Amino acid sequence: MPRPAGGAPGDLRLAPADDGRPLSGCPFLNAAVEVPDPGHPVHVLVAAYRTEFARRLAALAREAGARDPEELGERLALLYDGAVSRSTALNATGPGAHARAIATALVDAAID
């Protein structure tokens, strides 16, 4: 299957950037923590935003030729959320680099 322009699958816009700085926190995830009531309008907005994030990753995965783009999108969204959380808590760059390596492996395994 042909690869989209941009190099190897792991280099597609599917993995967190690794620019040597800690990943910055997500204001939407912060809002979800502050307003845990799932029925509150803020929480509903956060859920919609995070769902759309995974959907956009799935669209990129589909474009890249992933066998199951929705599954890959969900996995990458979860990986990204975890990396941002860990990077924020530790104020460290390691989580971003590790997340990128894991994302590359996930993408490579998902694309024939």
PDB file of N, CA and C in Angstrom:
ATOM      1  N   MET A   1       0.855  -1.173   0.000  1.00  0.00           N
ATOM      2  CA  MET A   1       0.000   0.000   0.000  1.00  0.00           C
ATOM      3  C   MET A   1       0.901   1.236   0.000  1.00  0.00           C
ATOM      4  N   PRO A   2       0.615   2.228  -0.843  1.00  0.00           N
ATOM      5  CA  PRO A   2       1.475   3.419  -0.888  1.00  0.00           C
ATOM      6  C   PRO A   2       1.357   4.230   0.396  1.00  0.00           C
ATOM      7  N   ARG A   3       2.468   4.803   0.790  1.00  0.00           N
ATOM      8  CA  ARG A   3       2.506   5.650   1.979  1.00  0.00           C
ATOM      9  C   ARG A   3       2.184   7.083   1.582  1.00  0.00           C
ATOM     10  N   PRO A   4       1.451   7.807   2.425  1.00  0.00           N
ATOM     11  CA  PRO A   4       1.227   9.224   2.152  1.00  0.00           C
ATOM     12  C   PRO A   4       2.555   9.982   2.195  1.00  0.00           C
ATOM     13  N   ALA A   5       2.586  11.124   1.562  1.00  0.00           N
ATOM     14  CA  ALA A   5       3.794  11.953   1.588  1.00  0.00           C
ATOM     15  C   ALA A   5       4.169  12.255   3.022  1.00  0.00           C
ATOM     16  N   GLY A   6       5.436  12.297   3.311  1.00  0.00           N
ATOM     17  CA  GLY A   6       5.874  12.650   4.659  1.00  0.00           C
ATOM     18  C   GLY A   6       6.758  11.611   5.288  1.00  0.00           C
ATOM     19  N   GLY A   7       7.021  10.503   4.621  1.00  0.00           N
ATOM     20  CA  GLY A   7       7.965   9.532   5.156  1.00  0.00           C
ATOM     21  C   GLY A   7       7.287   8.308   5.699  1.00  0.00           C
ATOM     22  N   ALA A   8       7.952   7.686   6.656  1.00  0.00           N
ATOM     23  CA  ALA A   8       7.460   6.455   7.255  1.00  0.00           C
ATOM     24  C   ALA A   8       6.160   6.713   7.999  1.00  0.00           C
ATOM     25  N   PRO A   9       5.344   5.663   8.181  1.00  0.00           N
ATOM     26  CA  PRO A   9       4.053   5.853   8.863  1.00  0.00           C
ATOM     27  C   PRO A   9       4.177   6.538  10.208  1.00  0.00           C
ATOM     28  N   GLY A  10       5.196   6.222  10.986  1.00  0.00           N
ATOM     29  CA  GLY A  10       5.365   6.846  12.295  1.00  0.00           C
ATOM     30  C   GLY A  10       5.617   8.343  12.213  1.00  0.00           C
ATOM     31  N   ASP A  11       5.999   8.828  11.044  1.00  0.00           N
ATOM     32  CA  ASP A  11       6.226  10.252  10.874  1.00  0.00           C
ATOM     33  C   ASP A  11       4.967  10.994  10.459  1.00  0.00           C
ATOM     34  N   LEU A  12       3.895  10.278  10.228  1.00  0.00           N
ATOM     35  CA  LEU A  12       2.630  10.928   9.896  1.00  0.00           C
ATOM     36  C   LEU A  12       2.190  11.736  11.091  1.00  0.00           C
ATOM     37  N   ARG A  13       1.330  12.645  10.915  1.00  0.00           N
ATOM     38  CA  ARG A  13       0.914  13.551  11.978  1.00  0.00           C
ATOM     39  C   ARG A  13       0.144  12.838  13.080  1.00  0.00           C
ATOM     40  N   LEU A  14       0.487  11.580  13.350  1.00  0.00           N
ATOM     41  CA  LEU A  14      -0.253  10.790  14.324  1.00  0.00           C
ATOM     42  C   LEU A  14       0.432  10.709  15.684  1.00  0.00           C
ATOM     43  N   ALA A  15       1.700  11.029  15.760  1.00  0.00           N
ATOM     44  CA  ALA A  15       2.427  10.893  17.011  1.00  0.00           C
ATOM     45  C   ALA A  15       2.660  12.269  17.630  1.00  0.00           C
ATOM     46  N   PRO A  16       2.706  12.333  18.963  1.00  0.00           N
ATOM     47  CA  PRO A  16       2.976  13.625  19.596  1.00  0.00           C
ATOM     48  C   PRO A  16       4.309  14.181  19.132  1.00  0.00           C
ATOM     49  N   ALA A  17       4.385  15.476  18.979  1.00  0.00           N
ATOM     50  CA  ALA A  17       5.639  16.126  18.601  1.00  0.00           C
ATOM     51  C   ALA A  17       6.645  15.948  19.718  1.00  0.00           C
ATOM     52  N   ASP A  18       7.899  15.845  19.356  1.00  0.00           N
ATOM     53  CA  ASP A  18       8.961  15.731  20.341  1.00  0.00           C
ATOM     54  C   ASP A  18       9.959  16.845  20.072  1.00  0.00           C
ATOM     55  N   ASP A  19       9.689  18.002  20.653  1.00  0.00           N
ATOM     56  CA  ASP A  19      10.557  19.158  20.412  1.00  0.00           C
ATOM     57  C   ASP A  19      11.492  19.424  21.588  1.00  0.00           C
ATOM     58  N   GLY A  20      11.629  18.440  22.477  1.00  0.00           N
ATOM     59  CA  GLY A  20      12.547  18.592  23.597  1.00  0.00           C
ATOM     60  C   GLY A  20      11.973  19.292  24.807  1.00  0.00           C
ATOM     61  N   ARG A  21      10.703  19.689  24.749  1.00  0.00           N
ATOM     62  CA  ARG A  21      10.054  20.339  25.895  1.00  0.00           C
ATOM     63  C   ARG A  21       8.966  19.419  26.438  1.00  0.00           C
ATOM     64  N   PRO A  22       8.597  19.600  27.710  1.00  0.00           N
ATOM     65  CA  PRO A  22       7.464  18.821  28.218  1.00  0.00           C
ATOM     66  C   PRO A  22       6.211  19.128  27.394  1.00  0.00           C
ATOM     67  N   LEU A  23       5.377  18.121  27.201  1.00  0.00           N
ATOM     68  CA  LEU A  23       4.107  18.351  26.523  1.00  0.00           C
ATOM     69  C   LEU A  23       3.268  19.259  27.405  1.00  0.00           C
ATOM     70  N   SER A  24       2.564  20.199  26.803  1.00  0.00           N
ATOM     71  CA  SER A  24       1.760  21.118  27.616  1.00  0.00           C
ATOM     72  C   SER A  24       0.422  20.480  27.950  1.00  0.00           C
ATOM     73  N   GLY A  25      -0.112  20.872  29.094  1.00  0.00           N
ATOM     74  CA  GLY A  25      -1.389  20.352  29.542  1.00  0.00           C
ATOM     75  C   GLY A  25      -2.527  20.758  28.628  1.00  0.00           C
ATOM     76  N   CYS A  26      -3.583  19.999  28.677  1.00  0.00           N
ATOM     77  CA  CYS A  26      -4.761  20.276  27.856  1.00  0.00           C
ATOM     78  C   CYS A  26      -5.804  20.990  28.698  1.00  0.00           C
ATOM     79  N   PRO A  27      -6.186  22.203  28.324  1.00  0.00           N
ATOM     80  CA  PRO A  27      -7.184  22.924  29.123  1.00  0.00           C
ATOM     81  C   PRO A  27      -8.527  22.192  29.183  1.00  0.00           C
ATOM     82  N   PHE A  28      -8.820  21.406  28.164  1.00  0.00           N
ATOM     83  CA  PHE A  28     -10.075  20.647  28.182  1.00  0.00           C
ATOM     84  C   PHE A  28     -10.021  19.546  29.231  1.00  0.00           C
ATOM     85  N   LEU A  29      -8.891  18.848  29.310  1.00  0.00           N
ATOM     86  CA  LEU A  29      -8.762  17.821  30.346  1.00  0.00           C
ATOM     87  C   LEU A  29      -8.759  18.454  31.734  1.00  0.00           C
ATOM     88  N   ASN A  30      -8.126  19.607  31.857  1.00  0.00           N
ATOM     89  CA  ASN A  30      -8.144  20.318  33.137  1.00  0.00           C
ATOM     90  C   ASN A  30      -9.579  20.663  33.535  1.00  0.00           C
ATOM     91  N   ALA A  31     -10.373  21.123  32.578  1.00  0.00           N
ATOM     92  CA  ALA A  31     -11.774  21.466  32.863  1.00  0.00           C
ATOM     93  C   ALA A  31     -12.564  20.240  33.288  1.00  0.00           C
ATOM     94  N   ALA A  32     -12.288  19.091  32.666  1.00  0.00           N
ATOM     95  CA  ALA A  32     -13.000  17.862  33.029  1.00  0.00           C
ATOM     96  C   ALA A  32     -12.706  17.468  34.473  1.00  0.00           C
ATOM     97  N   VAL A  33     -11.488  17.713  34.916  1.00  0.00           N
ATOM     98  CA  VAL A  33     -11.126  17.413  36.303  1.00  0.00           C
ATOM     99  C   VAL A  33     -11.840  18.372  37.251  1.00  0.00           C
ATOM    100  N   GLU A  34     -11.898  19.640  36.876  1.00  0.00           N
ATOM    101  CA  GLU A  34     -12.530  20.644  37.720  1.00  0.00           C
ATOM    102  C   GLU A  34     -14.056  20.520  37.765  1.00  0.00           C
ATOM    103  N   VAL A  35     -14.638  20.014  36.689  1.00  0.00           N
ATOM    104  CA  VAL A  35     -16.097  19.867  36.598  1.00  0.00           C
ATOM    105  C   VAL A  35     -16.399  18.403  36.261  1.00  0.00           C
ATOM    106  N   PRO A  36     -16.349  17.522  37.266  1.00  0.00           N
ATOM    107  CA  PRO A  36     -16.491  16.090  36.993  1.00  0.00           C
ATOM    108  C   PRO A  36     -17.915  15.617  36.671  1.00  0.00           C
ATOM    109  N   ASP A  37     -18.913  16.456  36.883  1.00  0.00           N
ATOM    110  CA  ASP A  37     -20.301  16.063  36.613  1.00  0.00           C
ATOM    111  C   ASP A  37     -20.469  15.845  35.102  1.00  0.00           C
ATOM    112  N   PRO A  38     -20.724  14.602  34.658  1.00  0.00           N
ATOM    113  CA  PRO A  38     -20.814  14.327  33.221  1.00  0.00           C
ATOM    114  C   PRO A  38     -21.972  15.040  32.528  1.00  0.00           C
ATOM    115  N   GLY A  39     -22.943  15.518  33.278  1.00  0.00           N
ATOM    116  CA  GLY A  39     -24.062  16.233  32.691  1.00  0.00           C
ATOM    117  C   GLY A  39     -23.857  17.740  32.588  1.00  0.00           C
ATOM    118  N   HIS A  40     -22.823  18.244  33.223  1.00  0.00           N
ATOM    119  CA  HIS A  40     -22.554  19.679  33.199  1.00  0.00           C
ATOM    120  C   HIS A  40     -22.137  20.100  31.790  1.00  0.00           C
ATOM    121  N   PRO A  41     -22.587  21.273  31.320  1.00  0.00           N
ATOM    122  CA  PRO A  41     -22.248  21.713  29.961  1.00  0.00           C
ATOM    123  C   PRO A  41     -20.744  21.750  29.677  1.00  0.00           C
ATOM    124  N   VAL A  42     -19.942  22.097  30.677  1.00  0.00           N
ATOM    125  CA  VAL A  42     -18.486  22.112  30.468  1.00  0.00           C
ATOM    126  C   VAL A  42     -17.981  20.703  30.188  1.00  0.00           C
ATOM    127  N   HIS A  43     -18.454  19.749  30.968  1.00  0.00           N
ATOM    128  CA  HIS A  43     -18.021  18.370  30.794  1.00  0.00           C
ATOM    129  C   HIS A  43     -18.489  17.828  29.439  1.00  0.00           C
ATOM    130  N   VAL A  44     -19.696  18.183  29.042  1.00  0.00           N
ATOM    131  CA  VAL A  44     -20.223  17.758  27.736  1.00  0.00           C
ATOM    132  C   VAL A  44     -19.346  18.312  26.614  1.00  0.00           C
ATOM    133  N   LEU A  45     -18.948  19.566  26.735  1.00  0.00           N
ATOM    134  CA  LEU A  45     -18.069  20.183  25.742  1.00  0.00           C
ATOM    135  C   LEU A  45     -16.717  19.483  25.694  1.00  0.00           C
ATOM    136  N   VAL A  46     -16.163  19.173  26.850  1.00  0.00           N
ATOM    137  CA  VAL A  46     -14.877  18.477  26.922  1.00  0.00           C
ATOM    138  C   VAL A  46     -14.986  17.111  26.241  1.00  0.00           C
ATOM    139  N   ALA A  47     -16.038  16.367  26.554  1.00  0.00           N
ATOM    140  CA  ALA A  47     -16.219  15.044  25.950  1.00  0.00           C
ATOM    141  C   ALA A  47     -16.323  15.149  24.429  1.00  0.00           C
ATOM    142  N   ALA A  48     -17.041  16.152  23.956  1.00  0.00           N
ATOM    143  CA  ALA A  48     -17.179  16.340  22.509  1.00  0.00           C
ATOM    144  C   ALA A  48     -15.828  16.676  21.880  1.00  0.00           C
ATOM    145  N   TYR A  49     -15.058  17.517  22.531  1.00  0.00           N
ATOM    146  CA  TYR A  49     -13.749  17.904  22.010  1.00  0.00           C
ATOM    147  C   TYR A  49     -12.809  16.707  21.953  1.00  0.00           C
ATOM    148  N   ARG A  50     -12.752  15.929  23.038  1.00  0.00           N
ATOM    149  CA  ARG A  50     -11.852  14.769  23.077  1.00  0.00           C
ATOM    150  C   ARG A  50     -12.303  13.697  22.092  1.00  0.00           C
ATOM    151  N   THR A  51     -13.615  13.543  21.897  1.00  0.00           N
ATOM    152  CA  THR A  51     -14.127  12.598  20.901  1.00  0.00           C
ATOM    153  C   THR A  51     -13.724  13.038  19.500  1.00  0.00           C
ATOM    154  N   GLU A  52     -13.813  14.330  19.237  1.00  0.00           N
ATOM    155  CA  GLU A  52     -13.421  14.862  17.933  1.00  0.00           C
ATOM    156  C   GLU A  52     -11.916  14.694  17.709  1.00  0.00           C
ATOM    157  N   PHE A  53     -11.122  14.839  18.743  1.00  0.00           N
ATOM    158  CA  PHE A  53      -9.681  14.628  18.635  1.00  0.00           C
ATOM    159  C   PHE A  53      -9.392  13.203  18.148  1.00  0.00           C
ATOM    160  N   ALA A  54     -10.006  12.219  18.775  1.00  0.00           N
ATOM    161  CA  ALA A  54      -9.823  10.820  18.364  1.00  0.00           C
ATOM    162  C   ALA A  54     -10.347  10.599  16.946  1.00  0.00           C
ATOM    163  N   ARG A  55     -11.446  11.256  16.598  1.00  0.00           N
ATOM    164  CA  ARG A  55     -12.002  11.116  15.250  1.00  0.00           C
ATOM    165  C   ARG A  55     -11.026  11.666  14.205  1.00  0.00           C
ATOM    166  N   ARG A  56     -10.383  12.783  14.520  1.00  0.00           N
ATOM    167  CA  ARG A  56      -9.405  13.354  13.579  1.00  0.00           C
ATOM    168  C   ARG A  56      -8.184  12.448  13.436  1.00  0.00           C
ATOM    169  N   LEU A  57      -7.751  11.854  14.528  1.00  0.00           N
ATOM    170  CA  LEU A  57      -6.650  10.895  14.435  1.00  0.00           C
ATOM    171  C   LEU A  57      -7.068   9.693  13.590  1.00  0.00           C
ATOM    172  N   ALA A  58      -8.306   9.235  13.755  1.00  0.00           N
ATOM    173  CA  ALA A  58      -8.800   8.119  12.943  1.00  0.00           C
ATOM    174  C   ALA A  58      -8.843   8.492  11.470  1.00  0.00           C
ATOM    175  N   ALA A  59      -9.221   9.721  11.166  1.00  0.00           N
ATOM    176  CA  ALA A  59      -9.240  10.163   9.763  1.00  0.00           C
ATOM    177  C   ALA A  59      -7.831  10.154   9.181  1.00  0.00           C
ATOM    178  N   LEU A  60      -6.847  10.602   9.955  1.00  0.00           N
ATOM    179  CA  LEU A  60      -5.462  10.547   9.490  1.00  0.00           C
ATOM    180  C   LEU A  60      -4.998   9.103   9.322  1.00  0.00           C
ATOM    181  N   ALA A  61      -5.402   8.253  10.259  1.00  0.00           N
ATOM    182  CA  ALA A  61      -5.046   6.838  10.167  1.00  0.00           C
ATOM    183  C   ALA A  61      -5.670   6.202   8.923  1.00  0.00           C
ATOM    184  N   ARG A  62      -6.895   6.576   8.631  1.00  0.00           N
ATOM    185  CA  ARG A  62      -7.569   6.063   7.428  1.00  0.00           C
ATOM    186  C   ARG A  62      -6.813   6.508   6.177  1.00  0.00           C
ATOM    187  N   GLU A  63      -6.439   7.773   6.151  1.00  0.00           N
ATOM    188  CA  GLU A  63      -5.683   8.329   5.032  1.00  0.00           C
ATOM    189  C   GLU A  63      -4.338   7.612   4.862  1.00  0.00           C
ATOM    190  N   ALA A  64      -3.756   7.184   5.978  1.00  0.00           N
ATOM    191  CA  ALA A  64      -2.464   6.500   5.945  1.00  0.00           C
ATOM    192  C   ALA A  64      -2.598   5.023   5.593  1.00  0.00           C
ATOM    193  N   GLY A  65      -3.824   4.514   5.558  1.00  0.00           N
ATOM    194  CA  GLY A  65      -4.041   3.124   5.180  1.00  0.00           C
ATOM    195  C   GLY A  65      -4.128   2.147   6.330  1.00  0.00           C
ATOM    196  N   ALA A  66      -4.479   2.609   7.527  1.00  0.00           N
ATOM    197  CA  ALA A  66      -4.611   1.707   8.675  1.00  0.00           C
ATOM    198  C   ALA A  66      -5.752   0.725   8.447  1.00  0.00           C
ATOM    199  N   ARG A  67      -5.536  -0.511   8.907  1.00  0.00           N
ATOM    200  CA  ARG A  67      -6.574  -1.545   8.771  1.00  0.00           C
ATOM    201  C   ARG A  67      -7.825  -1.198   9.580  1.00  0.00           C
ATOM    202  N   ASP A  68      -7.640  -0.672  10.777  1.00  0.00           N
ATOM    203  CA  ASP A  68      -8.768  -0.290  11.648  1.00  0.00           C
ATOM    204  C   ASP A  68      -8.497   1.126  12.158  1.00  0.00           C
ATOM    205  N   PRO A  69      -8.816   2.133  11.347  1.00  0.00           N
ATOM    206  CA  PRO A  69      -8.455   3.505  11.709  1.00  0.00           C
ATOM    207  C   PRO A  69      -9.117   4.013  12.980  1.00  0.00           C
ATOM    208  N   GLU A  70     -10.349   3.581  13.261  1.00  0.00           N
ATOM    209  CA  GLU A  70     -11.007   4.046  14.483  1.00  0.00           C
ATOM    210  C   GLU A  70     -10.285   3.528  15.720  1.00  0.00           C
ATOM    211  N   GLU A  71      -9.884   2.263  15.679  1.00  0.00           N
ATOM    212  CA  GLU A  71      -9.154   1.697  16.813  1.00  0.00           C
ATOM    213  C   GLU A  71      -7.814   2.404  16.986  1.00  0.00           C
ATOM    214  N   LEU A  72      -7.105   2.626  15.899  1.00  0.00           N
ATOM    215  CA  LEU A  72      -5.819   3.311  15.982  1.00  0.00           C
ATOM    216  C   LEU A  72      -6.011   4.735  16.500  1.00  0.00           C
ATOM    217  N   GLY A  73      -7.031   5.423  16.031  1.00  0.00           N
ATOM    218  CA  GLY A  73      -7.312   6.773  16.514  1.00  0.00           C
ATOM    219  C   GLY A  73      -7.562   6.805  18.008  1.00  0.00           C
ATOM    220  N   GLU A  74      -8.339   5.865  18.507  1.00  0.00           N
ATOM    221  CA  GLU A  74      -8.606   5.793  19.952  1.00  0.00           C
ATOM    222  C   GLU A  74      -7.341   5.496  20.737  1.00  0.00           C
ATOM    223  N   ARG A  75      -6.537   4.568  20.239  1.00  0.00           N
ATOM    224  CA  ARG A  75      -5.298   4.221  20.936  1.00  0.00           C
ATOM    225  C   ARG A  75      -4.340   5.405  20.987  1.00  0.00           C
ATOM    226  N   LEU A  76      -4.227   6.101  19.865  1.00  0.00           N
ATOM    227  CA  LEU A  76      -3.326   7.251  19.824  1.00  0.00           C
ATOM    228  C   LEU A  76      -3.833   8.394  20.702  1.00  0.00           C
ATOM    229  N   ALA A  77      -5.152   8.587  20.745  1.00  0.00           N
ATOM    230  CA  ALA A  77      -5.718   9.624  21.615  1.00  0.00           C
ATOM    231  C   ALA A  77      -5.435   9.297  23.082  1.00  0.00           C
ATOM    232  N   LEU A  78      -5.614   8.038  23.454  1.00  0.00           N
ATOM    233  CA  LEU A  78      -5.326   7.615  24.822  1.00  0.00           C
ATOM    234  C   LEU A  78      -3.845   7.786  25.144  1.00  0.00           C
ATOM    235  N   LEU A  79      -2.997   7.408  24.216  1.00  0.00           N
ATOM    236  CA  LEU A  79      -1.558   7.562  24.401  1.00  0.00           C
ATOM    237  C   LEU A  79      -1.195   9.034  24.584  1.00  0.00           C
ATOM    238  N   TYR A  80      -1.749   9.883  23.752  1.00  0.00           N
ATOM    239  CA  TYR A  80      -1.463  11.312  23.835  1.00  0.00           C
ATOM    240  C   TYR A  80      -1.934  11.890  25.173  1.00  0.00           C
ATOM    241  N   ASP A  81      -3.164  11.555  25.567  1.00  0.00           N
ATOM    242  CA  ASP A  81      -3.690  12.063  26.841  1.00  0.00           C
ATOM    243  C   ASP A  81      -2.806  11.627  28.008  1.00  0.00           C
ATOM    244  N   GLY A  82      -2.379  10.370  27.993  1.00  0.00           N
ATOM    245  CA  GLY A  82      -1.505   9.874  29.058  1.00  0.00           C
ATOM    246  C   GLY A  82      -0.155  10.561  29.055  1.00  0.00           C
ATOM    247  N   ALA A  83       0.389  10.783  27.869  1.00  0.00           N
ATOM    248  CA  ALA A  83       1.695  11.442  27.773  1.00  0.00           C
ATOM    249  C   ALA A  83       1.614  12.883  28.257  1.00  0.00           C
ATOM    250  N   VAL A  84       0.552  13.579  27.896  1.00  0.00           N
ATOM    251  CA  VAL A  84       0.388  14.965  28.352  1.00  0.00           C
ATOM    252  C   VAL A  84       0.244  14.994  29.868  1.00  0.00           C
ATOM    253  N   SER A  85      -0.544  14.099  30.407  1.00  0.00           N
ATOM    254  CA  SER A  85      -0.742  14.056  31.852  1.00  0.00           C
ATOM    255  C   SER A  85       0.570  13.782  32.576  1.00  0.00           C
ATOM    256  N   ARG A  86       1.306  12.801  32.120  1.00  0.00           N
ATOM    257  CA  ARG A  86       2.569  12.443  32.779  1.00  0.00           C
ATOM    258  C   ARG A  86       3.618  13.548  32.608  1.00  0.00           C
ATOM    259  N   SER A  87       3.683  14.106  31.420  1.00  0.00           N
ATOM    260  CA  SER A  87       4.638  15.181  31.164  1.00  0.00           C
ATOM    261  C   SER A  87       4.338  16.391  32.039  1.00  0.00           C
ATOM    262  N   THR A  88       3.051  16.702  32.195  1.00  0.00           N
ATOM    263  CA  THR A  88       2.645  17.828  33.028  1.00  0.00           C
ATOM    264  C   THR A  88       2.977  17.559  34.498  1.00  0.00           C
ATOM    265  N   ALA A  89       2.637  16.369  34.978  1.00  0.00           N
ATOM    266  CA  ALA A  89       2.863  16.037  36.386  1.00  0.00           C
ATOM    267  C   ALA A  89       4.351  16.023  36.731  1.00  0.00           C
ATOM    268  N   LEU A  90       5.176  15.543  35.809  1.00  0.00           N
ATOM    269  CA  LEU A  90       6.609  15.420  36.075  1.00  0.00           C
ATOM    270  C   LEU A  90       7.412  16.616  35.570  1.00  0.00           C
ATOM    271  N   ASN A  91       6.770  17.494  34.793  1.00  0.00           N
ATOM    272  CA  ASN A  91       7.465  18.596  34.129  1.00  0.00           C
ATOM    273  C   ASN A  91       8.714  18.058  33.433  1.00  0.00           C
ATOM    274  N   ALA A  92       8.482  17.007  32.638  1.00  0.00           N
ATOM    275  CA  ALA A  92       9.592  16.286  32.023  1.00  0.00           C
ATOM    276  C   ALA A  92       9.356  16.103  30.535  1.00  0.00           C
ATOM    277  N   THR A  93      10.449  15.927  29.807  1.00  0.00           N
ATOM    278  CA  THR A  93      10.357  15.720  28.362  1.00  0.00           C
ATOM    279  C   THR A  93      10.253  14.249  27.992  1.00  0.00           C
ATOM    280  N   GLY A  94      10.642  13.366  28.878  1.00  0.00           N
ATOM    281  CA  GLY A  94      10.649  11.935  28.575  1.00  0.00           C
ATOM    282  C   GLY A  94       9.325  11.372  28.095  1.00  0.00           C
ATOM    283  N   PRO A  95       8.203  11.717  28.728  1.00  0.00           N
ATOM    284  CA  PRO A  95       6.945  11.147  28.273  1.00  0.00           C
ATOM    285  C   PRO A  95       6.634  11.436  26.803  1.00  0.00           C
ATOM    286  N   GLY A  96       6.948  12.604  26.326  1.00  0.00           N
ATOM    287  CA  GLY A  96       6.690  12.924  24.923  1.00  0.00           C
ATOM    288  C   GLY A  96       7.511  12.060  23.986  1.00  0.00           C
ATOM    289  N   ALA A  97       8.783  11.882  24.314  1.00  0.00           N
ATOM    290  CA  ALA A  97       9.658  11.045  23.486  1.00  0.00           C
ATOM    291  C   ALA A  97       9.202   9.589  23.523  1.00  0.00           C
ATOM    292  N   HIS A  98       8.838   9.106  24.708  1.00  0.00           N
ATOM    293  CA  HIS A  98       8.358   7.724  24.816  1.00  0.00           C
ATOM    294  C   HIS A  98       7.042   7.548  24.057  1.00  0.00           C
ATOM    295  N   ALA A  99       6.155   8.524  24.184  1.00  0.00           N
ATOM    296  CA  ALA A  99       4.867   8.442  23.488  1.00  0.00           C
ATOM    297  C   ALA A  99       5.069   8.416  21.978  1.00  0.00           C
ATOM    298  N   ARG A 100       5.990   9.212  21.486  1.00  0.00           N
ATOM    299  CA  ARG A 100       6.255   9.218  20.044  1.00  0.00           C
ATOM    300  C   ARG A 100       6.761   7.855  19.584  1.00  0.00           C
ATOM    301  N   ALA A 101       7.650   7.231  20.361  1.00  0.00           N
ATOM    302  CA  ALA A 101       8.160   5.906  20.003  1.00  0.00           C
ATOM    303  C   ALA A 101       7.036   4.868  20.011  1.00  0.00           C
ATOM    304  N   ILE A 102       6.177   4.930  21.016  1.00  0.00           N
ATOM    305  CA  ILE A 102       5.055   3.999  21.097  1.00  0.00           C
ATOM    306  C   ILE A 102       4.090   4.240  19.942  1.00  0.00           C
ATOM    307  N   ALA A 103       3.791   5.503  19.649  1.00  0.00           N
ATOM    308  CA  ALA A 103       2.888   5.835  18.552  1.00  0.00           C
ATOM    309  C   ALA A 103       3.441   5.327  17.229  1.00  0.00           C
ATOM    310  N   THR A 104       4.743   5.482  17.029  1.00  0.00           N
ATOM    311  CA  THR A 104       5.363   4.992  15.800  1.00  0.00           C
ATOM    312  C   THR A 104       5.160   3.493  15.674  1.00  0.00           C
ATOM    313  N   ALA A 105       5.356   2.756  16.761  1.00  0.00           N
ATOM    314  CA  ALA A 105       5.161   1.314  16.732  1.00  0.00           C
ATOM    315  C   ALA A 105       3.694   0.959  16.451  1.00  0.00           C
ATOM    316  N   LEU A 106       2.777   1.690  17.079  1.00  0.00           N
ATOM    317  CA  LEU A 106       1.349   1.430  16.840  1.00  0.00           C
ATOM    318  C   LEU A 106       0.981   1.675  15.368  1.00  0.00           C
ATOM    319  N   VAL A 107       1.465   2.781  14.838  1.00  0.00           N
ATOM    320  CA  VAL A 107       1.148   3.124  13.451  1.00  0.00           C
ATOM    321  C   VAL A 107       1.764   2.106  12.505  1.00  0.00           C
ATOM    322  N   ASP A 108       3.024   1.778  12.728  1.00  0.00           N
ATOM    323  CA  ASP A 108       3.687   0.798  11.866  1.00  0.00           C
ATOM    324  C   ASP A 108       2.954  -0.542  11.873  1.00  0.00           C
ATOM    325  N   ALA A 109       2.485  -0.974  13.057  1.00  0.00           N
ATOM    326  CA  ALA A 109       1.776  -2.243  13.162  1.00  0.00           C
ATOM    327  C   ALA A 109       0.388  -2.194  12.524  1.00  0.00           C
ATOM    328  N   ALA A 110      -0.205  -1.014  12.448  1.00  0.00           N
ATOM    329  CA  ALA A 110      -1.579  -0.882  11.949  1.00  0.00           C
ATOM    330  C   ALA A 110      -1.656  -0.678  10.436  1.00  0.00           C
ATOM    331  N   ILE A 111      -0.520  -0.383   9.834  1.00  0.00           N
ATOM    332  CA  ILE A 111      -0.506  -0.093   8.402  1.00  0.00           C
ATOM    333  C   ILE A 111       0.263  -1.181   7.673  1.00  0.00           C
ATOM    334  N   ASP A 112      -0.369  -1.788   6.701  1.00  0.00           N
ATOM    335  CA  ASP A 112       0.288  -2.856   5.919  1.00  0.00           C
ATOM    336  C   ASP A 112       1.380  -2.291   5.037  1.00  0.00           C
TER     337      ASP A 112
END
